[in-house]
Amino acid sequence: MTTRKTGLDPRSTALLVLDIQDGIVESLPDPQPLLDSVFRAITCARSAGATVGYVRVALTERDRTAVPPTNITFTAIAGTKLLVEGDPSTGIHSRVTPAPGDLVVRKTRIGALSTTDLDDQLTRRGITTVVLAGISTGGVVLSTVADMADRDYGVYVLSDAVADMDPEVHRVLVEKVFPTRARVINVDRLRILFTGL
């Protein structure tokens, strides 16, 4: 009887850090546990040799005027001074800063792939599996899980490295919805999967 090695191949796996931006993180009542978990996930991915990518949301004036009234979320944002490209609040939080060679893309809608070339960049690097961390569970994480699953990526969601302003939304998604399209694990399990133990 042969034993099949289980785990994640870092050569074909990317950790995607979604919307961990100063102005978004501050909306959580206690962001420190999330930041600590995301930091641990990044450290784990880098140590294994996996790709690390960052997705941030920010709008230029042109992006704001291009939002149609049918887009409920971004129509509300476009009418404010929130998420203005170049504003420090749209920067990636200093606790989880990108390193040279990491992917960094800017989006103008909810999903990580919606208005970026991220799918192309991942494909060029041979990435077939993604691990998701970020905020909010009911926003970018939900949208990205659905989109990437439909594009046939292997999708993992880090239950302790995603957060939402609404704890009940977070719970239902992590416990009921995501498991139908992704594997839900924690950062400790990610470390084990990368080492194949």
Protein backbone atom coordinates (compact mmCIF):
# COMPACT_ATOMS: atom_id res chain seq x y z
CA MET A 1 0.00 0.00 0.00
CA THR A 2 1.43 3.39 -0.98
CA THR A 3 0.87 6.48 1.06
CA ARG A 4 -0.01 9.53 -0.96
CA LYS A 5 1.71 12.70 0.22
CA THR A 6 -0.78 15.45 0.86
CA GLY A 7 -0.01 19.10 1.00
CA LEU A 8 0.38 22.24 -1.03
CA ASP A 9 3.08 22.65 -3.64
CA PRO A 10 4.51 26.14 -3.03
CA ARG A 11 5.58 26.37 -6.68
CA SER A 12 1.95 26.39 -7.80
CA THR A 13 0.37 28.09 -4.76
CA ALA A 14 -0.20 31.78 -4.05
CA LEU A 15 -1.30 33.42 -0.82
CA LEU A 16 -3.52 36.38 -1.72
CA VAL A 17 -3.80 39.17 0.85
CA LEU A 18 -7.05 40.98 0.11
CA ASP A 19 -7.81 44.60 1.07
CA ILE A 20 -5.63 44.68 4.20
CA GLN A 21 -5.43 48.46 3.87
CA ASP A 22 -5.12 51.09 6.57
CA GLY A 23 -8.54 52.64 5.96
CA ILE A 24 -10.30 49.27 5.86
CA VAL A 25 -8.52 47.58 8.76
CA GLU A 26 -9.47 50.46 11.07
CA SER A 27 -13.15 49.61 10.56
CA LEU A 28 -12.71 46.47 12.68
CA PRO A 29 -13.27 46.87 16.43
CA ASP A 30 -10.07 44.87 17.17
CA PRO A 31 -7.93 44.35 14.07
CA GLN A 32 -4.88 42.95 15.88
CA PRO A 33 -5.86 39.25 15.80
CA LEU A 34 -6.53 39.49 12.05
CA LEU A 35 -3.24 41.31 11.39
CA ASP A 36 -1.33 38.75 13.47
CA SER A 37 -2.87 35.84 11.55
CA VAL A 38 -2.26 37.45 8.16
CA PHE A 39 1.35 38.17 9.15
CA ARG A 40 1.81 34.52 10.17
CA ALA A 41 0.29 33.34 6.89
CA ILE A 42 2.62 35.58 4.87
CA THR A 43 5.64 34.37 6.85
CA CYS A 44 4.57 30.77 6.29
CA ALA A 45 4.04 31.25 2.54
CA ARG A 46 7.35 33.05 2.06
CA SER A 47 9.24 30.43 4.08
CA ALA A 48 7.76 27.70 1.87
CA GLY A 49 8.66 29.59 -1.31
CA ALA A 50 5.07 30.26 -2.38
CA THR A 51 3.98 33.36 -4.28
CA VAL A 52 2.50 36.16 -2.16
CA GLY A 53 0.11 38.60 -3.81
CA TYR A 54 -1.68 41.70 -2.57
CA VAL A 55 -4.94 43.15 -3.82
CA ARG A 56 -5.90 46.67 -2.81
CA VAL A 57 -8.89 48.81 -3.69
CA ALA A 58 -8.50 52.48 -4.62
CA LEU A 59 -10.31 54.77 -7.03
CA THR A 60 -8.97 57.56 -9.21
CA GLU A 61 -11.30 60.40 -10.16
CA ARG A 62 -11.80 58.71 -13.53
CA ASP A 63 -12.71 55.43 -11.79
CA ARG A 64 -15.28 57.28 -9.66
CA THR A 65 -17.02 58.84 -12.65
CA ALA A 66 -17.11 55.46 -14.42
CA VAL A 67 -19.17 53.77 -11.69
CA PRO A 68 -22.69 53.21 -13.03
CA PRO A 69 -25.72 53.75 -10.79
CA THR A 70 -26.49 50.02 -11.03
CA ASN A 71 -23.45 49.22 -8.86
CA ILE A 72 -24.86 49.63 -5.35
CA THR A 73 -21.61 49.27 -3.42
CA PHE A 74 -19.38 51.43 -5.55
CA THR A 75 -21.98 54.12 -6.27
CA ALA A 76 -22.05 54.74 -2.51
CA ILE A 77 -18.24 54.82 -2.34
CA ALA A 78 -17.81 57.00 -5.44
CA GLY A 79 -19.89 59.74 -3.82
CA THR A 80 -17.50 59.98 -0.85
CA LYS A 81 -13.84 60.69 -0.24
CA LEU A 82 -13.23 57.05 0.71
CA LEU A 83 -10.68 54.86 -1.07
CA VAL A 84 -9.07 57.70 -3.03
CA GLU A 85 -6.00 56.50 -4.92
CA GLY A 86 -2.92 58.11 -3.40
CA ASP A 87 -4.49 58.65 0.01
CA PRO A 88 -2.54 56.94 2.82
CA SER A 89 -5.72 55.12 3.89
CA THR A 90 -5.55 53.01 0.71
CA GLY A 91 -2.03 51.79 1.46
CA ILE A 92 -1.37 48.22 2.52
CA HIS A 93 -1.14 48.02 6.32
CA SER A 94 2.45 48.26 7.59
CA ARG A 95 2.13 44.99 9.55
CA VAL A 96 1.82 43.03 6.29
CA THR A 97 3.90 45.08 3.83
CA PRO A 98 4.75 43.54 0.44
CA ALA A 99 8.30 42.39 -0.24
CA PRO A 100 10.20 42.76 -3.52
CA GLY A 101 8.86 40.24 -6.02
CA ASP A 102 5.38 40.04 -4.49
CA LEU A 103 2.41 40.66 -6.75
CA VAL A 104 0.50 43.88 -6.04
CA VAL A 105 -2.62 44.87 -7.99
CA ARG A 106 -5.15 47.68 -7.64
CA LYS A 107 -8.83 47.00 -8.19
CA THR A 108 -11.85 49.23 -8.59
CA ARG A 109 -14.59 46.74 -7.71
CA ILE A 110 -15.13 44.10 -5.02
CA GLY A 111 -13.57 40.92 -6.41
CA ALA A 112 -9.80 40.42 -6.67
CA LEU A 113 -10.05 39.44 -10.35
CA SER A 114 -12.84 41.85 -11.29
CA THR A 115 -10.80 44.79 -12.63
CA THR A 116 -7.22 43.49 -12.49
CA ASP A 117 -4.83 41.34 -14.48
CA LEU A 118 -4.30 39.10 -11.45
CA ASP A 119 -5.59 35.97 -13.21
CA ASP A 120 -3.06 36.48 -16.03
CA GLN A 121 -0.22 37.11 -13.58
CA LEU A 122 -1.05 33.97 -11.60
CA THR A 123 -1.31 31.90 -14.79
CA ARG A 124 2.09 33.14 -16.00
CA ARG A 125 3.61 32.01 -12.70
CA GLY A 126 2.00 28.57 -12.95
CA ILE A 127 -0.32 29.15 -10.00
CA THR A 128 -3.20 26.68 -9.78
CA THR A 129 -4.05 27.02 -6.07
CA VAL A 130 -4.79 30.14 -4.04
CA VAL A 131 -5.00 30.70 -0.30
CA LEU A 132 -7.11 33.69 0.71
CA ALA A 133 -6.68 36.08 3.63
CA GLY A 134 -8.34 39.46 3.99
CA ILE A 135 -11.19 41.74 4.83
CA SER A 136 -14.09 41.60 4.44
CA THR A 137 -15.37 38.05 4.51
CA GLY A 138 -18.68 39.16 2.96
CA GLY A 139 -17.00 41.38 0.35
CA VAL A 140 -13.70 40.68 -1.39
CA VAL A 141 -13.27 37.22 0.13
CA LEU A 142 -16.74 35.99 -0.90
CA SER A 143 -16.46 37.47 -4.38
CA THR A 144 -12.96 36.08 -4.91
CA VAL A 145 -13.85 32.58 -3.64
CA ALA A 146 -16.72 32.36 -6.14
CA ASP A 147 -14.76 33.78 -9.07
CA MET A 148 -11.62 31.71 -8.52
CA ALA A 149 -13.58 28.49 -7.95
CA ASP A 150 -15.40 29.14 -11.24
CA ARG A 151 -12.01 29.53 -12.94
CA ASP A 152 -10.99 26.11 -11.55
CA TYR A 153 -8.36 27.25 -9.09
CA GLY A 154 -7.95 25.18 -5.96
CA VAL A 155 -9.18 27.62 -3.31
CA TYR A 156 -8.35 27.69 0.40
CA VAL A 157 -9.73 30.24 2.88
CA LEU A 158 -7.85 30.94 6.11
CA SER A 159 -10.61 31.08 8.73
CA ASP A 160 -8.42 32.97 11.21
CA ALA A 161 -7.03 35.38 8.60
CA VAL A 162 -10.33 36.71 7.23
CA ALA A 163 -12.67 39.08 9.04
CA ASP A 164 -15.90 40.99 8.60
CA MET A 165 -17.50 43.91 10.41
CA ASP A 166 -20.53 41.66 10.95
CA PRO A 167 -19.56 38.56 12.98
CA GLU A 168 -22.69 36.65 11.91
CA VAL A 169 -21.99 37.20 8.21
CA HIS A 170 -18.43 35.98 8.83
CA ARG A 171 -19.62 32.87 10.69
CA VAL A 172 -22.19 31.83 8.08
CA LEU A 173 -19.76 32.28 5.20
CA VAL A 174 -16.86 30.46 6.85
CA GLU A 175 -18.97 27.62 8.28
CA LYS A 176 -21.68 27.16 5.63
CA VAL A 177 -20.94 28.87 2.31
CA PHE A 178 -17.19 28.68 1.68
CA PRO A 179 -16.92 24.92 2.30
CA THR A 180 -19.10 24.35 -0.79
CA ARG A 181 -16.44 26.01 -3.01
CA ALA A 182 -13.20 26.02 -1.04
CA ARG A 183 -11.26 24.28 1.70
CA VAL A 184 -11.50 26.24 4.94
CA ILE A 185 -8.39 25.89 7.11
CA ASN A 186 -6.46 27.97 9.64
CA VAL A 187 -2.91 29.31 9.49
CA ASP A 188 -1.52 26.42 11.55
CA ARG A 189 -2.97 23.95 9.05
CA LEU A 190 -1.47 25.98 6.19
CA ARG A 191 1.99 25.49 7.69
CA ILE A 192 1.38 21.73 7.85
CA LEU A 193 0.14 21.61 4.25
CA PHE A 194 3.24 23.44 3.02
CA THR A 195 5.54 21.03 4.83
CA GLY A 196 3.50 18.00 3.70
CA LEU A 197 3.49 16.45 7.17
